[in-house]
Amino acid sequence: MKTRQGFVSNSSTSNFIVGFRRVPTTVEDMQRMLFGDAVYCTWDEDYLTIDVAKQVFEDLQGAVPLTEKEILEEINRGWFEGCKDSYIEDEYGTPEYKRKWAEREERNRQEAQKLYETRIKPYLEGRQFYCLIYGNERDPGLIAAIEHMDTFHNFIYLQVCQH
């Protein structure tokens, strides 16, 4: 589980674990897979679906399919559906804080395993899963829109937040 100490910005980044039945061969193929016949998609403004598809297609180039172990590791790296992000009131570094932190980490590891078992494992056969990373640290426009506008709704996927 990722922990930030010190300065924390208002930026966000998410890892998307996306399952492809087949890897797209062109940007236009990616566009059809993501959006069907739609020309525009919207988050805080309108974007051409071909621009989104081009970015996702480029990000997929050279990517290596994840193993089952790597998928679970990616889920455990951030915050996900079911993740307990509870505040620990004890002073940082004390034995009590460390004990509570370890308990929380174990609960989250178990939740990550459950999420993997229900949302990914049943769909492994016939799919290759890749990790694609998007966030407004990289680009406050198009990349942030890809992170926030449900870009991968036509796929089996998980979003794991890193902020």
C-alpha atoms as a PDB file:
ATOM      1  CA  MET A   1       0.000   0.000   0.000  1.00  0.00           C
ATOM      2  CA  LYS A   2       1.349   3.414  -0.951  1.00  0.00           C
ATOM      3  CA  THR A   3       1.864   5.976   1.829  1.00  0.00           C
ATOM      4  CA  ARG A   4       2.591   9.634   1.354  1.00  0.00           C
ATOM      5  CA  GLN A   5       4.198  11.714   4.039  1.00  0.00           C
ATOM      6  CA  GLY A   6       4.996  15.391   3.871  1.00  0.00           C
ATOM      7  CA  PHE A   7       3.614  17.517   1.027  1.00  0.00           C
ATOM      8  CA  VAL A   8       0.639  16.006  -0.773  1.00  0.00           C
ATOM      9  CA  SER A   9      -0.656  17.757  -3.878  1.00  0.00           C
ATOM     10  CA  ASN A  10      -4.179  17.850  -5.223  1.00  0.00           C
ATOM     11  CA  SER A  11      -3.160  15.782  -8.222  1.00  0.00           C
ATOM     12  CA  SER A  12      -4.358  12.303  -8.988  1.00  0.00           C
ATOM     13  CA  THR A  13      -3.103   9.294 -10.869  1.00  0.00           C
ATOM     14  CA  SER A  14      -4.795   5.961 -11.438  1.00  0.00           C
ATOM     15  CA  ASN A  15      -3.564   2.614 -12.654  1.00  0.00           C
ATOM     16  CA  PHE A  16      -6.092   0.897 -14.893  1.00  0.00           C
ATOM     17  CA  ILE A  17      -5.828  -2.870 -15.076  1.00  0.00           C
ATOM     18  CA  VAL A  18      -7.573  -3.506 -18.390  1.00  0.00           C
ATOM     19  CA  GLY A  19      -8.417  -6.864 -19.955  1.00  0.00           C
ATOM     20  CA  PHE A  20      -8.228  -7.086 -23.743  1.00  0.00           C
ATOM     21  CA  ARG A  21      -9.710 -10.036 -25.651  1.00  0.00           C
ATOM     22  CA  ARG A  22      -7.395  -8.934 -28.445  1.00  0.00           C
ATOM     23  CA  VAL A  23      -4.872  -6.145 -28.687  1.00  0.00           C
ATOM     24  CA  PRO A  24      -5.963  -3.426 -31.132  1.00  0.00           C
ATOM     25  CA  THR A  25      -3.863  -3.153 -34.268  1.00  0.00           C
ATOM     26  CA  THR A  26      -4.606   0.490 -35.186  1.00  0.00           C
ATOM     27  CA  VAL A  27      -5.740   3.687 -33.505  1.00  0.00           C
ATOM     28  CA  GLU A  28      -9.093   3.360 -35.306  1.00  0.00           C
ATOM     29  CA  ASP A  29      -9.456  -0.178 -33.966  1.00  0.00           C
ATOM     30  CA  MET A  30      -8.778   1.139 -30.450  1.00  0.00           C
ATOM     31  CA  GLN A  31     -11.346   3.894 -30.997  1.00  0.00           C
ATOM     32  CA  ARG A  32     -14.037   1.337 -31.943  1.00  0.00           C
ATOM     33  CA  MET A  33     -13.144  -0.843 -28.947  1.00  0.00           C
ATOM     34  CA  LEU A  34     -13.359   2.096 -26.534  1.00  0.00           C
ATOM     35  CA  PHE A  35     -16.255   4.117 -27.945  1.00  0.00           C
ATOM     36  CA  GLY A  36     -18.013   2.280 -30.761  1.00  0.00           C
ATOM     37  CA  ASP A  37     -19.152   4.879 -33.318  1.00  0.00           C
ATOM     38  CA  ALA A  38     -19.029   7.891 -30.960  1.00  0.00           C
ATOM     39  CA  VAL A  39     -17.043  10.873 -32.212  1.00  0.00           C
ATOM     40  CA  TYR A  40     -16.946  12.825 -28.934  1.00  0.00           C
ATOM     41  CA  CYS A  41     -16.603  11.908 -25.270  1.00  0.00           C
ATOM     42  CA  THR A  42     -16.958  14.276 -22.333  1.00  0.00           C
ATOM     43  CA  TRP A  43     -15.392  14.828 -18.959  1.00  0.00           C
ATOM     44  CA  ASP A  44     -14.925  18.533 -18.129  1.00  0.00           C
ATOM     45  CA  GLU A  45     -15.046  19.367 -21.840  1.00  0.00           C
ATOM     46  CA  ASP A  46     -15.560  17.501 -25.105  1.00  0.00           C
ATOM     47  CA  TYR A  47     -12.755  15.371 -26.511  1.00  0.00           C
ATOM     48  CA  LEU A  48     -12.517  13.657 -29.864  1.00  0.00           C
ATOM     49  CA  THR A  49     -12.650   9.910 -29.290  1.00  0.00           C
ATOM     50  CA  ILE A  50      -9.878   9.478 -31.865  1.00  0.00           C
ATOM     51  CA  ASP A  51      -7.560  11.596 -29.659  1.00  0.00           C
ATOM     52  CA  VAL A  52      -8.341   9.465 -26.602  1.00  0.00           C
ATOM     53  CA  ALA A  53      -7.923   6.285 -28.643  1.00  0.00           C
ATOM     54  CA  LYS A  54      -4.570   7.503 -30.008  1.00  0.00           C
ATOM     55  CA  GLN A  55      -3.260   8.122 -26.484  1.00  0.00           C
ATOM     56  CA  VAL A  56      -4.448   4.740 -25.167  1.00  0.00           C
ATOM     57  CA  PHE A  57      -3.145   2.956 -28.273  1.00  0.00           C
ATOM     58  CA  GLU A  58       0.288   4.606 -27.868  1.00  0.00           C
ATOM     59  CA  ASP A  59       0.368   3.713 -24.180  1.00  0.00           C
ATOM     60  CA  LEU A  60      -0.440   0.101 -25.002  1.00  0.00           C
ATOM     61  CA  GLN A  61       2.433  -0.174 -27.490  1.00  0.00           C
ATOM     62  CA  GLY A  62       5.324  -2.014 -25.898  1.00  0.00           C
ATOM     63  CA  ALA A  63       3.304  -2.859 -22.794  1.00  0.00           C
ATOM     64  CA  VAL A  64       3.673  -6.397 -21.502  1.00  0.00           C
ATOM     65  CA  PRO A  65       0.664  -8.420 -20.313  1.00  0.00           C
ATOM     66  CA  LEU A  66       0.503  -8.766 -16.542  1.00  0.00           C
ATOM     67  CA  THR A  67       0.774 -12.104 -14.783  1.00  0.00           C
ATOM     68  CA  GLU A  68      -1.831 -12.985 -12.147  1.00  0.00           C
ATOM     69  CA  LYS A  69       0.713 -12.141  -9.449  1.00  0.00           C
ATOM     70  CA  GLU A  70       1.442  -8.750 -11.034  1.00  0.00           C
ATOM     71  CA  ILE A  71      -2.278  -7.945 -11.261  1.00  0.00           C
ATOM     72  CA  LEU A  72      -2.693  -8.556  -7.525  1.00  0.00           C
ATOM     73  CA  GLU A  73       0.448  -6.503  -6.793  1.00  0.00           C
ATOM     74  CA  GLU A  74      -0.975  -3.596  -8.830  1.00  0.00           C
ATOM     75  CA  ILE A  75      -4.236  -3.719  -6.880  1.00  0.00           C
ATOM     76  CA  ASN A  76      -2.308  -3.691  -3.590  1.00  0.00           C
ATOM     77  CA  ARG A  77      -0.270  -0.618  -4.616  1.00  0.00           C
ATOM     78  CA  GLY A  78      -3.072   1.889  -4.218  1.00  0.00           C
ATOM     79  CA  TRP A  79      -6.614   2.608  -3.136  1.00  0.00           C
ATOM     80  CA  PHE A  80      -9.390   0.554  -4.659  1.00  0.00           C
ATOM     81  CA  GLU A  81     -13.041  -0.268  -4.206  1.00  0.00           C
ATOM     82  CA  GLY A  82     -13.320  -1.763  -0.704  1.00  0.00           C
ATOM     83  CA  CYS A  83      -9.979  -0.374   0.492  1.00  0.00           C
ATOM     84  CA  LYS A  84     -10.012   0.803   4.109  1.00  0.00           C
ATOM     85  CA  ASP A  85      -8.299   4.167   4.242  1.00  0.00           C
ATOM     86  CA  SER A  86      -8.981   4.840   7.894  1.00  0.00           C
ATOM     87  CA  TYR A  87      -7.102   7.476   9.814  1.00  0.00           C
ATOM     88  CA  ILE A  88      -4.854   6.132  12.575  1.00  0.00           C
ATOM     89  CA  GLU A  89      -4.970   8.463  15.559  1.00  0.00           C
ATOM     90  CA  ASP A  90      -1.880   7.238  17.378  1.00  0.00           C
ATOM     91  CA  GLU A  91       1.376   9.112  17.017  1.00  0.00           C
ATOM     92  CA  TYR A  92       3.277   8.089  13.901  1.00  0.00           C
ATOM     93  CA  GLY A  93       6.028   5.576  14.579  1.00  0.00           C
ATOM     94  CA  THR A  94       4.795   4.358  17.970  1.00  0.00           C
ATOM     95  CA  PRO A  95       4.335   0.614  18.528  1.00  0.00           C
ATOM     96  CA  GLU A  96       0.537   1.090  18.682  1.00  0.00           C
ATOM     97  CA  TYR A  97       0.543   2.995  15.389  1.00  0.00           C
ATOM     98  CA  LYS A  98       2.657   0.287  13.748  1.00  0.00           C
ATOM     99  CA  ARG A  99       0.310  -2.432  15.041  1.00  0.00           C
ATOM    100  CA  LYS A 100      -2.795  -0.627  13.738  1.00  0.00           C
ATOM    101  CA  TRP A 101      -1.061   0.065  10.425  1.00  0.00           C
ATOM    102  CA  ALA A 102      -0.178  -3.614  10.025  1.00  0.00           C
ATOM    103  CA  GLU A 103      -3.787  -4.628  10.821  1.00  0.00           C
ATOM    104  CA  ARG A 104      -5.117  -2.159   8.255  1.00  0.00           C
ATOM    105  CA  GLU A 105      -2.642  -3.373   5.641  1.00  0.00           C
ATOM    106  CA  GLU A 106      -3.689  -6.979   6.236  1.00  0.00           C
ATOM    107  CA  ARG A 107      -7.396  -6.060   5.892  1.00  0.00           C
ATOM    108  CA  ASN A 108      -6.625  -4.232   2.649  1.00  0.00           C
ATOM    109  CA  ARG A 109      -4.557  -7.155   1.348  1.00  0.00           C
ATOM    110  CA  GLN A 110      -7.554  -9.415   1.985  1.00  0.00           C
ATOM    111  CA  GLU A 111      -9.911  -6.936   0.266  1.00  0.00           C
ATOM    112  CA  ALA A 112      -7.547  -6.727  -2.719  1.00  0.00           C
ATOM    113  CA  GLN A 113      -7.562 -10.525  -2.952  1.00  0.00           C
ATOM    114  CA  LYS A 114     -11.388 -10.548  -2.876  1.00  0.00           C
ATOM    115  CA  LEU A 115     -11.555  -7.883  -5.553  1.00  0.00           C
ATOM    116  CA  TYR A 116      -9.148  -9.840  -7.726  1.00  0.00           C
ATOM    117  CA  GLU A 117     -11.108 -13.073  -7.186  1.00  0.00           C
ATOM    118  CA  THR A 118     -14.452 -11.478  -8.152  1.00  0.00           C
ATOM    119  CA  ARG A 119     -13.586  -8.833 -10.743  1.00  0.00           C
ATOM    120  CA  ILE A 120     -10.530 -10.197 -12.591  1.00  0.00           C
ATOM    121  CA  LYS A 121      -9.915 -13.912 -12.071  1.00  0.00           C
ATOM    122  CA  PRO A 122     -13.219 -15.089 -13.646  1.00  0.00           C
ATOM    123  CA  TYR A 123     -12.241 -13.206 -16.827  1.00  0.00           C
ATOM    124  CA  LEU A 124      -8.589 -14.221 -17.184  1.00  0.00           C
ATOM    125  CA  GLU A 125      -9.210 -16.883 -19.791  1.00  0.00           C
ATOM    126  CA  GLY A 126      -9.161 -15.390 -23.256  1.00  0.00           C
ATOM    127  CA  ARG A 127      -7.906 -11.979 -22.104  1.00  0.00           C
ATOM    128  CA  GLN A 128      -4.594 -10.274 -21.638  1.00  0.00           C
ATOM    129  CA  PHE A 129      -4.483  -7.703 -18.837  1.00  0.00           C
ATOM    130  CA  TYR A 130      -2.320  -4.593 -19.023  1.00  0.00           C
ATOM    131  CA  CYS A 131      -1.634  -1.767 -16.593  1.00  0.00           C
ATOM    132  CA  LEU A 132      -2.196   1.692 -18.109  1.00  0.00           C
ATOM    133  CA  ILE A 133      -1.494   4.789 -16.004  1.00  0.00           C
ATOM    134  CA  TYR A 134      -3.338   8.098 -16.342  1.00  0.00           C
ATOM    135  CA  GLY A 135      -3.518  11.223 -14.219  1.00  0.00           C
ATOM    136  CA  ASN A 136      -3.492  14.962 -14.145  1.00  0.00           C
ATOM    137  CA  GLU A 137       0.169  15.015 -13.051  1.00  0.00           C
ATOM    138  CA  ARG A 138       1.006  13.982 -16.624  1.00  0.00           C
ATOM    139  CA  ASP A 139      -1.482  16.282 -18.373  1.00  0.00           C
ATOM    140  CA  PRO A 140      -4.368  18.231 -16.813  1.00  0.00           C
ATOM    141  CA  GLY A 141      -6.375  17.936 -20.054  1.00  0.00           C
ATOM    142  CA  LEU A 142      -6.660  14.787 -22.113  1.00  0.00           C
ATOM    143  CA  ILE A 143      -4.797  12.455 -19.724  1.00  0.00           C
ATOM    144  CA  ALA A 144      -6.837  13.622 -16.727  1.00  0.00           C
ATOM    145  CA  ALA A 145      -9.998  13.108 -18.788  1.00  0.00           C
ATOM    146  CA  ILE A 146      -8.941   9.548 -19.615  1.00  0.00           C
ATOM    147  CA  GLU A 147      -8.509   8.927 -15.886  1.00  0.00           C
ATOM    148  CA  HIS A 148     -11.898  10.337 -14.881  1.00  0.00           C
ATOM    149  CA  MET A 149     -14.388   9.734 -17.710  1.00  0.00           C
ATOM    150  CA  ASP A 150     -14.895   5.959 -17.527  1.00  0.00           C
ATOM    151  CA  THR A 151     -12.795   5.429 -20.644  1.00  0.00           C
ATOM    152  CA  PHE A 152     -12.612   1.653 -20.240  1.00  0.00           C
ATOM    153  CA  HIS A 153     -16.321   0.957 -19.652  1.00  0.00           C
ATOM    154  CA  ASN A 154     -16.390  -1.514 -22.584  1.00  0.00           C
ATOM    155  CA  PHE A 155     -13.697  -3.673 -20.949  1.00  0.00           C
ATOM    156  CA  ILE A 156     -13.175  -5.762 -17.842  1.00  0.00           C
ATOM    157  CA  TYR A 157     -11.067  -3.368 -15.783  1.00  0.00           C
ATOM    158  CA  LEU A 158     -10.171  -2.101 -12.328  1.00  0.00           C
ATOM    159  CA  GLN A 159      -9.146   1.416 -11.416  1.00  0.00           C
ATOM    160  CA  VAL A 160      -6.557   1.633  -8.649  1.00  0.00           C
ATOM    161  CA  CYS A 161      -6.037   5.188  -7.417  1.00  0.00           C
ATOM    162  CA  GLN A 162      -2.561   6.338  -6.518  1.00  0.00           C
ATOM    163  CA  HIS A 163      -3.453   9.696  -4.941  1.00  0.00           C
END
